[in-house]
Amino acid sequence: MSHHILICDDERDIVSALKIYLSGEDYTLHTAYNGKKGLDVLAKEQIDLVLLDIMMPEMDGIEMMQRLRESYNIPVILLTAKSEDTDKILGLNLGADDYITKPFNPMEVLARVRSQLRRYTQLGSAVSTPAGQLLRVGNIAVNDAEKSVTVDGEPVNLTPTEYAILLFLMQSPNRVFSPQEIYTAVRGELPYGAEGTIAVHIRHLREKIEINPADPRYLKAVWGQGYKLDSGGTH
């Protein structure tokens, strides 16, 4: 099956380079040079992954990210410059799954694209449950056969990365996992310093599953060690 990838960046040289990096794979590549055109492509094509630049004219990557997440759960990898750290964190907070810093390493681009597509198509197969099994911790329920999540009976819309993290933690309630362990489990690779993104995804998860994200019932940090899913659902 050919995956459809949207490359959205206003720098045509970067778009061309990314097309070259990805051309050896079985990917169908689509391009856009600003956020508005990117959303047009998403509306017309069955896109499986977006490579999204932050700084673009007409509509930047941050605004496109916000609008995209209103309708799509597909993985998004931000294309960032080192000077864009604040925007990078904002993008992750808005639901981006990963980021790649310019200038790109072609092998890193390929590895991250493959990793996100693998998790998107299997939604966390590395931490999957037996077919049809329903996992329940407190008032959180995950149906891995349907890839659905409910909290207090209400459906919750998660990105592939958020789903994979929640599923992993729910399989071992009350056990503390380091950010490195979580990163490796959901990505299938060592973090190499990128485990800091887990804190952003955890914060985003809390905003979706907790009544009060600042005082979580379930998704708790253990200072100096990592995170756990509390089966008691108590403070």
Protein backbone atom coordinates (compact mmCIF):
# COMPACT_ATOMS: atom_id res chain seq x y z
CA MET A 1 0.00 0.00 0.00
CA SER A 2 1.35 3.37 -0.99
CA HIS A 3 1.21 5.98 1.74
CA HIS A 4 0.31 9.54 0.76
CA ILE A 5 2.58 12.19 2.27
CA LEU A 6 2.03 15.96 2.14
CA ILE A 7 5.15 18.14 2.18
CA CYS A 8 4.17 21.68 3.15
CA ASP A 9 6.99 24.25 3.08
CA ASP A 10 7.38 27.61 1.33
CA GLU A 11 11.04 26.92 0.46
CA ARG A 12 10.95 25.08 -2.84
CA ASP A 13 14.53 23.81 -2.46
CA ILE A 14 13.55 22.11 0.81
CA VAL A 15 10.45 20.59 -0.78
CA SER A 16 12.59 19.29 -3.65
CA ALA A 17 15.17 17.84 -1.25
CA LEU A 18 12.49 16.08 0.81
CA LYS A 19 10.96 14.64 -2.35
CA ILE A 20 14.37 13.24 -3.28
CA TYR A 21 14.88 11.76 0.22
CA LEU A 22 11.47 10.04 0.11
CA SER A 23 11.41 9.07 -3.56
CA GLY A 24 13.03 5.69 -3.00
CA GLU A 25 10.11 4.54 -0.84
CA ASP A 26 6.64 3.48 -1.89
CA TYR A 27 5.18 6.90 -1.11
CA THR A 28 2.87 9.13 -3.12
CA LEU A 29 4.10 12.67 -2.49
CA HIS A 30 1.98 15.83 -2.50
CA THR A 31 3.31 19.37 -2.09
CA ALA A 32 2.03 22.73 -0.87
CA TYR A 33 3.87 26.00 -0.28
CA ASN A 34 1.70 27.55 2.45
CA GLY A 35 -0.81 26.46 5.04
CA LYS A 36 -3.88 27.36 3.00
CA LYS A 37 -2.74 25.22 0.07
CA GLY A 38 -1.83 22.48 2.52
CA LEU A 39 -5.37 22.37 3.90
CA ASP A 40 -6.70 22.28 0.31
CA VAL A 41 -4.61 19.18 -0.38
CA LEU A 42 -5.82 17.54 2.83
CA ALA A 43 -9.43 18.15 1.78
CA LYS A 44 -8.91 16.56 -1.62
CA GLU A 45 -6.47 13.71 -0.96
CA GLN A 46 -6.31 10.81 1.50
CA ILE A 47 -3.14 11.99 3.25
CA ASP A 48 -1.42 9.66 5.74
CA LEU A 49 1.30 12.00 7.07
CA VAL A 50 2.23 15.69 6.88
CA LEU A 51 5.72 17.20 6.90
CA LEU A 52 4.93 20.75 7.99
CA ASP A 53 7.13 23.84 8.04
CA ILE A 54 6.42 26.35 10.81
CA MET A 55 7.38 29.60 9.08
CA MET A 56 5.27 30.09 5.94
CA PRO A 57 3.43 33.02 4.29
CA GLU A 58 -0.38 33.42 4.14
CA MET A 59 -0.92 30.73 6.78
CA ASP A 60 1.95 29.47 8.92
CA GLY A 61 2.41 25.94 10.21
CA ILE A 62 1.03 26.73 13.65
CA GLU A 63 -2.32 27.93 12.33
CA MET A 64 -2.47 25.06 9.84
CA MET A 65 -1.73 22.67 12.71
CA GLN A 66 -4.67 24.06 14.70
CA ARG A 67 -7.08 23.73 11.78
CA LEU A 68 -5.76 20.34 10.76
CA ARG A 69 -6.33 18.87 14.23
CA GLU A 70 -9.99 19.92 14.12
CA SER A 71 -10.61 17.25 11.47
CA TYR A 72 -7.62 14.89 11.16
CA ASN A 73 -5.70 12.51 13.43
CA ILE A 74 -2.92 11.79 10.95
CA PRO A 75 0.69 12.15 12.14
CA VAL A 76 2.36 15.52 11.65
CA ILE A 77 6.13 16.07 11.71
CA LEU A 78 7.18 19.70 12.12
CA LEU A 79 10.06 21.07 10.05
CA THR A 80 11.82 23.56 12.31
CA ALA A 81 14.88 25.77 12.50
CA LYS A 82 16.89 25.70 15.72
CA SER A 83 15.77 29.28 16.43
CA GLU A 84 12.10 28.21 16.44
CA ASP A 85 12.10 26.39 19.79
CA THR A 86 9.08 28.30 21.13
CA ASP A 87 7.05 27.60 17.99
CA LYS A 88 8.20 23.99 18.06
CA ILE A 89 6.84 23.47 21.58
CA LEU A 90 3.63 25.29 20.63
CA GLY A 91 3.26 22.99 17.63
CA LEU A 92 3.72 19.91 19.80
CA ASN A 93 1.16 21.29 22.24
CA LEU A 94 -1.30 21.70 19.39
CA GLY A 95 -0.93 18.06 18.42
CA ALA A 96 2.19 17.60 16.29
CA ASP A 97 3.73 14.16 16.73
CA ASP A 98 7.39 14.88 16.11
CA TYR A 99 9.82 17.42 14.70
CA ILE A 100 12.94 17.47 12.55
CA THR A 101 15.42 20.31 12.79
CA LYS A 102 16.91 21.92 9.68
CA PRO A 103 19.31 21.21 8.04
CA PHE A 104 17.97 17.71 7.57
CA ASN A 105 19.79 14.43 7.75
CA PRO A 106 18.20 12.31 4.98
CA MET A 107 18.39 9.11 7.04
CA GLU A 108 16.74 10.84 10.01
CA VAL A 109 13.92 12.09 7.79
CA LEU A 110 13.31 8.58 6.46
CA ALA A 111 13.50 7.02 9.92
CA ARG A 112 11.02 9.45 11.47
CA VAL A 113 8.59 9.21 8.57
CA ARG A 114 8.69 5.40 8.68
CA SER A 115 8.24 5.41 12.45
CA GLN A 116 5.20 7.71 12.34
CA LEU A 117 3.57 5.85 9.46
CA ARG A 118 4.15 2.50 11.15
CA ARG A 119 2.50 3.73 14.33
CA TYR A 120 -0.32 5.42 12.42
CA THR A 121 -1.23 2.34 10.38
CA GLN A 122 -0.97 0.04 13.37
CA LEU A 123 -1.69 2.63 16.10
CA GLY A 124 0.87 1.39 18.52
CA SER A 125 1.34 -2.22 17.44
CA ALA A 126 4.47 -2.42 19.59
CA VAL A 127 2.21 -2.02 22.62
CA SER A 128 -0.97 -3.49 21.17
CA THR A 129 -3.46 -5.57 23.08
CA PRO A 130 -4.98 -8.92 22.04
CA ALA A 131 -7.61 -8.41 19.36
CA GLY A 132 -10.83 -7.01 20.75
CA GLN A 133 -9.55 -6.56 24.28
CA LEU A 134 -10.95 -3.67 26.25
CA LEU A 135 -8.56 -2.04 28.68
CA ARG A 136 -10.03 -0.11 31.57
CA VAL A 137 -8.27 1.95 34.23
CA GLY A 138 -10.62 3.90 36.48
CA ASN A 139 -13.04 5.66 34.15
CA ILE A 140 -10.68 5.47 31.16
CA ALA A 141 -11.49 2.76 28.62
CA VAL A 142 -9.46 1.84 25.53
CA ASN A 143 -10.82 -0.48 22.85
CA ASP A 144 -7.70 -1.40 20.91
CA ALA A 145 -9.65 -3.27 18.24
CA GLU A 146 -11.50 -0.06 17.39
CA LYS A 147 -8.64 2.26 18.42
CA SER A 148 -11.11 4.22 20.52
CA VAL A 149 -10.81 5.91 23.91
CA THR A 150 -13.53 7.05 26.29
CA VAL A 151 -13.27 8.89 29.61
CA ASP A 152 -16.32 8.84 31.88
CA GLY A 153 -18.19 7.35 28.92
CA GLU A 154 -17.36 10.26 26.61
CA PRO A 155 -15.23 9.68 23.48
CA VAL A 156 -11.79 11.31 23.45
CA ASN A 157 -9.99 12.23 20.24
CA LEU A 158 -6.27 11.38 20.44
CA THR A 159 -3.41 11.67 17.97
CA PRO A 160 -1.53 8.43 17.12
CA THR A 161 1.30 9.38 19.50
CA GLU A 162 -1.05 10.20 22.36
CA TYR A 163 -2.95 6.96 21.81
CA ALA A 164 0.25 4.89 21.82
CA ILE A 165 1.45 6.50 25.07
CA LEU A 166 -1.89 6.01 26.81
CA LEU A 167 -2.17 2.40 25.66
CA PHE A 168 1.37 1.65 26.85
CA LEU A 169 0.77 3.12 30.31
CA MET A 170 -2.63 1.45 30.66
CA GLN A 171 -1.08 -1.98 30.16
CA SER A 172 0.89 -1.54 33.40
CA PRO A 173 -1.19 0.58 35.79
CA ASN A 174 0.69 2.18 38.70
CA ARG A 175 4.08 1.27 37.24
CA VAL A 176 6.43 4.21 36.76
CA PHE A 177 8.13 4.52 33.36
CA SER A 178 10.92 6.94 32.52
CA PRO A 179 10.50 9.26 29.52
CA GLN A 180 13.18 7.20 27.76
CA GLU A 181 11.23 3.97 28.32
CA ILE A 182 8.01 5.52 27.06
CA TYR A 183 9.72 6.99 24.01
CA THR A 184 11.35 3.66 23.11
CA ALA A 185 8.12 1.71 23.62
CA VAL A 186 5.94 3.90 21.42
CA ARG A 187 8.51 4.71 18.75
CA GLY A 188 10.47 1.48 18.62
CA GLU A 189 13.76 3.36 18.72
CA LEU A 190 16.11 4.97 21.23
CA PRO A 191 15.38 8.65 21.97
CA TYR A 192 18.88 10.11 21.46
CA GLY A 193 17.97 13.16 23.51
CA ALA A 194 14.46 13.58 22.04
CA GLU A 195 12.66 12.09 25.05
CA GLY A 196 11.79 15.65 26.14
CA THR A 197 8.95 15.51 23.62
CA ILE A 198 7.25 12.92 25.87
CA ALA A 199 6.59 15.64 28.48
CA VAL A 200 4.76 17.68 25.85
CA HIS A 201 2.64 14.71 24.75
CA ILE A 202 1.87 13.85 28.39
CA ARG A 203 0.71 17.43 28.99
CA HIS A 204 -1.50 17.25 25.92
CA LEU A 205 -2.91 13.89 27.02
CA ARG A 206 -3.79 15.34 30.42
CA GLU A 207 -5.72 18.14 28.75
CA LYS A 208 -7.87 15.51 27.06
CA ILE A 209 -8.39 12.88 29.77
CA GLU A 210 -8.23 14.82 33.03
CA ILE A 211 -10.96 16.96 34.58
CA ASN A 212 -8.23 19.26 35.92
CA PRO A 213 -4.96 18.79 33.98
CA ALA A 214 -3.06 20.75 36.66
CA ASP A 215 -4.20 18.26 39.31
CA PRO A 216 -4.44 14.93 37.44
CA ARG A 217 -6.37 11.94 38.76
CA TYR A 218 -4.75 9.44 36.42
CA LEU A 219 -1.67 10.56 34.50
CA LYS A 220 0.79 11.38 37.25
CA ALA A 221 4.42 12.44 37.30
CA VAL A 222 6.79 10.83 39.79
CA TRP A 223 9.48 13.38 40.44
CA GLY A 224 12.87 12.37 39.09
CA GLN A 225 11.57 9.06 37.73
CA GLY A 226 8.88 9.47 35.09
CA TYR A 227 5.15 8.91 34.67
CA LYS A 228 2.50 6.39 35.65
CA LEU A 229 -1.19 5.80 35.12
CA ASP A 230 -2.78 5.68 38.55
CA SER A 231 -5.43 2.95 38.68
CA GLY A 232 -7.04 4.53 41.72
CA GLY A 233 -7.83 7.72 39.90
CA THR A 234 -7.29 9.61 43.13
CA HIS A 235 -5.24 12.64 44.01
